[in-house]
Protein backbone atom coordinates (compact mmCIF):
# COMPACT_ATOMS: atom_id res chain seq x y z
CA MET A 1 96.13 61.29 112.56
CA GLY A 2 92.42 61.53 111.91
CA ASP A 3 92.11 64.49 114.32
CA SER A 4 94.87 66.32 112.45
CA ASN A 5 93.10 65.84 109.06
CA ALA A 6 89.78 66.94 110.42
CA SER A 7 91.14 70.12 111.86
CA THR A 8 93.05 71.06 108.62
CA PRO A 9 90.17 72.54 106.78
CA GLU A 10 89.35 74.77 109.78
CA MET A 11 92.67 76.38 109.80
CA VAL A 12 92.91 79.93 108.67
CA MET A 13 95.65 80.41 106.09
CA MET A 14 97.15 83.84 106.08
CA THR A 15 99.49 85.27 103.35
CA PRO A 16 103.17 84.70 104.54
CA TYR A 17 104.41 87.86 102.96
CA LEU A 18 103.89 91.63 102.95
CA HIS A 19 100.81 92.62 100.85
CA PHE A 20 97.95 95.05 100.35
CA THR A 21 95.28 92.53 99.79
CA GLY A 22 92.71 91.54 102.41
CA GLY A 23 91.99 88.25 104.19
CA ASP A 24 94.06 88.68 107.27
CA VAL A 25 92.52 87.88 110.60
CA LEU A 26 92.46 90.91 112.87
CA TYR A 27 92.11 89.86 116.62
CA PHE A 28 89.19 87.42 115.94
CA LYS A 29 88.41 84.85 113.31
CA SER A 30 85.15 86.73 112.58
CA LEU A 31 87.08 89.93 111.98
CA GLN A 32 88.73 89.20 108.70
CA PRO A 33 88.51 92.33 106.37
CA SER A 34 88.77 91.38 102.72
CA SER A 35 87.30 94.31 100.79
CA HIS A 36 88.92 97.72 100.37
CA GLY A 37 86.12 99.29 102.64
CA ALA A 38 86.69 96.78 105.33
CA ILE A 39 90.44 97.18 105.33
CA ALA A 40 89.95 101.02 105.70
CA GLY A 41 87.57 100.44 108.60
CA ALA A 42 90.11 98.14 110.32
CA CYS A 43 92.75 100.91 109.87
CA LEU A 44 90.44 103.48 111.52
CA VAL A 45 90.09 101.07 114.47
CA LEU A 46 93.75 100.80 114.68
CA VAL A 47 94.00 104.68 114.75
CA ILE A 48 91.69 104.82 117.62
CA PHE A 49 93.63 102.19 119.56
CA ALA A 50 96.89 103.97 118.81
CA LEU A 51 95.43 107.30 119.99
CA LEU A 52 94.28 105.63 123.22
CA GLU A 53 97.71 104.24 123.75
CA ARG A 54 99.37 107.67 123.41
CA MET A 55 96.67 109.19 125.64
CA LEU A 56 97.49 106.68 128.38
CA SER A 57 101.25 107.36 127.91
CA ALA A 58 100.54 111.04 128.35
CA ALA A 59 98.36 110.54 131.39
CA ARG A 60 101.02 108.35 133.00
CA GLY A 61 103.66 111.12 132.49
CA VAL A 62 101.37 113.83 134.07
CA MET A 63 100.36 111.50 136.96
CA GLN A 64 103.97 110.48 137.60
CA ALA A 65 104.89 114.00 138.20
CA HIS A 66 101.84 114.57 140.52
CA TRP A 67 102.56 111.41 142.45
CA ARG A 68 106.21 112.28 142.88
CA ARG A 69 105.29 115.80 144.24
CA SER A 70 102.88 114.11 146.66
CA ALA A 71 105.44 111.49 147.85
CA LEU A 72 107.98 114.11 148.51
CA ALA A 73 105.54 116.13 150.46
CA LEU A 74 104.48 113.13 152.50
CA THR A 75 108.12 112.31 153.14
CA ALA A 76 109.03 115.91 154.18
CA ASP A 77 105.96 116.08 156.60
CA HIS A 78 106.88 112.67 158.14
CA THR A 79 110.42 113.89 158.67
CA ASP A 80 109.36 117.15 160.17
CA ARG A 81 107.02 115.35 162.61
CA SER A 82 109.81 113.03 163.63
CA ALA A 83 112.03 115.88 164.24
CA GLU A 84 109.34 117.58 166.36
CA ASP A 85 108.80 114.41 168.37
CA THR A 86 112.43 113.96 169.28
CA GLU A 87 112.91 117.67 170.21
CA PRO A 88 113.42 118.22 173.91
CA LEU A 89 110.52 119.71 175.94
CA ASP A 90 112.67 122.68 176.98
CA ASP A 91 113.21 123.69 173.47
CA LYS A 92 109.52 123.39 172.59
CA GLU A 93 108.60 125.60 175.62
CA ARG A 94 111.27 127.98 174.72
CA ARG A 95 110.19 128.30 171.26
CA LYS A 96 106.54 129.08 172.21
CA SER A 97 107.65 132.02 174.43
CA PRO A 98 107.18 135.42 172.83
CA GLU A 99 110.45 136.79 174.11
CA VAL A 100 112.54 134.50 172.03
CA GLU A 101 110.35 134.36 169.05
CA VAL A 102 112.56 136.28 166.76
CA GLU A 103 115.67 134.51 167.97
CA SER A 104 114.11 131.03 167.46
CA SER A 105 112.93 131.99 163.87
CA SER A 106 116.50 132.95 162.98
CA GLU A 107 117.87 129.83 164.49
CA ASN A 108 115.29 127.77 162.65
CA ASN A 109 116.36 129.39 159.31
CA LYS A 110 119.91 128.33 160.01
CA SER A 111 119.17 124.80 161.00
CA ILE A 112 116.64 124.08 158.39
CA GLY A 113 119.37 123.98 155.69
CA GLU A 114 121.47 121.60 157.95
CA ARG A 115 118.39 119.41 158.39
CA PHE A 116 117.84 119.08 154.64
CA ILE A 117 121.53 118.26 154.05
CA ALA A 118 121.54 115.62 156.71
CA ARG A 119 118.25 114.08 155.61
CA ARG A 120 118.86 110.90 153.77
CA VAL A 121 117.21 110.46 150.36
CA PRO A 122 115.11 107.25 150.24
CA VAL A 123 116.13 104.80 147.55
CA ILE A 124 112.62 103.39 147.27
CA ALA A 125 109.61 105.66 147.23
CA PRO A 126 107.12 105.13 150.08
CA PHE A 127 104.14 102.94 149.30
CA VAL A 128 100.93 104.97 148.93
CA ALA A 129 97.91 102.98 148.02
CA SER A 130 96.18 105.63 146.16
CA HIS A 131 99.23 106.31 144.11
CA ASP A 132 100.53 102.80 143.42
CA ILE A 133 97.24 101.20 142.71
CA ALA A 134 96.30 103.88 140.19
CA ARG A 135 99.90 103.63 138.73
CA GLY A 136 99.46 99.82 138.21
CA VAL A 137 96.10 100.27 136.54
CA LEU A 138 97.49 102.89 134.17
CA TYR A 139 100.51 100.63 133.39
CA ALA A 140 98.28 97.61 132.88
CA LEU A 141 96.01 99.58 130.38
CA GLN A 142 98.97 100.80 128.42
CA ALA A 143 100.44 97.40 128.23
CA LEU A 144 97.18 96.00 127.06
CA MET A 145 96.99 98.58 124.33
CA ALA A 146 100.52 97.94 123.35
CA TYR A 147 99.81 94.09 123.05
CA VAL A 148 96.69 94.97 120.94
CA LEU A 149 98.64 97.00 118.56
CA MET A 150 101.35 94.32 118.38
CA LEU A 151 98.87 91.72 117.36
CA ALA A 152 97.86 94.04 114.34
CA VAL A 153 101.52 94.56 113.45
CA ILE A 154 102.26 90.82 113.47
CA SER A 155 99.86 90.45 110.44
CA LYS A 156 101.53 90.76 106.94
CA SER A 157 99.16 93.66 105.95
CA ILE A 158 101.12 96.60 104.94
CA ALA A 159 98.09 98.93 105.43
CA MET A 160 97.76 97.92 109.09
CA ARG A 161 101.50 98.25 109.80
CA LEU A 162 101.85 101.74 108.19
CA THR A 163 98.56 102.86 110.12
CA VAL A 164 100.00 101.95 113.47
CA ALA A 165 103.62 103.20 112.70
CA ALA A 166 102.26 106.58 111.37
CA VAL A 167 99.88 107.22 114.24
CA LEU A 168 102.35 106.29 116.83
CA ALA A 169 105.15 108.39 115.19
CA VAL A 170 102.98 111.50 114.67
CA PHE A 171 101.05 111.62 118.04
CA ALA A 172 104.18 110.47 119.93
CA SER A 173 105.86 113.66 118.93
CA VAL A 174 102.74 115.74 119.70
CA ALA A 175 102.43 114.13 123.07
CA THR A 176 106.02 114.79 123.90
CA ALA A 177 105.72 118.44 122.92
CA HIS A 178 102.57 118.89 125.03
CA PHE A 179 103.01 116.72 128.09
CA GLN A 180 106.73 116.68 128.70
CA MET A 181 108.87 119.56 129.94
CA GLN A 182 111.18 120.83 127.26
CA PHE A 183 114.40 122.64 128.05
CA PRO A 184 114.38 126.26 126.88
CA VAL A 185 117.01 127.58 124.49
CA PRO A 186 119.93 129.39 126.16
CA ARG A 187 119.14 132.92 127.06
CA GLY A 188 122.75 134.29 127.28
CA PRO A 189 124.28 136.27 130.15
CA PHE A 190 122.15 137.26 133.06
CA VAL A 191 120.73 140.85 132.54
CA GLU A 192 117.94 141.67 134.92
CA ASP A 193 116.40 144.35 132.55
CA ASP A 194 116.06 141.86 129.68
CA GLU A 195 114.44 139.12 131.83
CA PRO A 196 110.73 140.19 131.13
CA THR A 197 111.42 139.56 127.37
CA PHE A 198 111.53 135.89 128.25
CA CYS A 199 108.13 136.00 130.09
CA ASP A 200 106.11 136.66 126.99
CA ASN A 201 106.75 140.34 127.47
CA TYR A 202 104.87 140.29 130.70
CA VAL A 203 105.56 143.78 132.08
CA HIS A 204 105.03 142.83 135.79
CA ALA A 205 107.70 140.17 135.67
CA VAL A 206 110.52 141.50 137.96
CA SER A 207 113.01 138.73 137.13
CA ASN A 208 112.66 135.10 136.54
CA ARG A 209 116.35 134.39 137.22
CA SER A 210 118.29 135.21 140.35
CA GLU A 211 121.85 135.12 141.26
CA PHE A 212 123.24 132.83 144.02
CA PRO A 213 123.72 132.68 147.00
CA LEU A 214 120.21 133.34 148.01
CA SER A 215 119.62 135.52 151.05
CA GLY A 216 119.16 133.31 154.17
CA GLY A 217 119.09 130.18 152.04
CA PHE A 218 115.49 130.67 151.07
CA PHE A 219 113.83 132.21 148.08
CA THR A 220 110.06 132.80 147.61
CA LEU A 221 108.63 132.31 144.18
CA ASN A 222 105.38 133.91 143.11
CA SER A 223 103.76 133.73 139.68
CA GLU A 224 101.22 136.54 138.98
CA HIS A 225 101.11 135.86 135.33
CA PRO A 226 97.58 134.85 134.22
CA GLN A 227 98.71 131.93 132.06
CA TRP A 228 102.39 131.04 132.81
CA THR A 229 103.51 129.06 135.80
CA ILE A 230 107.00 129.07 137.50
CA GLY A 231 110.03 127.25 136.16
CA VAL A 232 113.10 126.88 138.35
CA THR A 233 116.55 125.90 136.98
CA VAL A 234 119.36 125.28 139.43
CA SER A 235 122.86 125.42 137.96
CA THR A 236 125.89 123.93 139.87
CA GLN A 237 128.32 126.18 137.86
CA GLN A 238 130.10 128.89 139.64
CA ASP A 239 129.14 131.46 137.05
CA PRO A 240 126.27 130.29 135.04
CA THR A 241 125.97 132.84 132.24
CA SER A 242 124.64 130.67 129.38
CA PHE A 243 121.39 129.17 130.68
């Protein structure tokens, strides 16, 4: 009972309702802004924390796409090596001979499609230390920043709550627009002569859409535009005229 009475004066009492006044503890007991200038400074600190959280989220999105491409490349390379190891020696020697070079290349073009169809898609991505460790570090940092912002929102200060909500709302939309792929508006029927107009009027663009089936099952994409990269849209519709 004596210990309880002794610790009562040391307890920090916070206002139990929403308010604009100071006196709320922010993260530490010594960090207790009370004046208007101190509250403004605390809000600026929260703005920086919210920006860091959004930057980490954007970095995770970019790196996830990079890691996915790398994992697919590693999986495809491993599958190709396994197919070469299981190939009979007679086929390997026959493929190296110059007399059947053209014939073997045409056979390869026909069999690659079957190989990709028969290839089983892995349910779990392969473990790559350089990818997964960095992914875990980024996730931990973003979770830490989320908990830091949550501790600020727990307080009853309206200024701190509005600061965090405004920054996350504004910069979340900006990050989404800049770091995530957006689907373009429908372009209407496929007209080859009108295709360069969708490439920022780049006159050297032959066509950025092609009709199926592709010749030989393959299609080479080259981007010679100084700023734009290549975007590929695959439609399963029989007559895709509105994408």
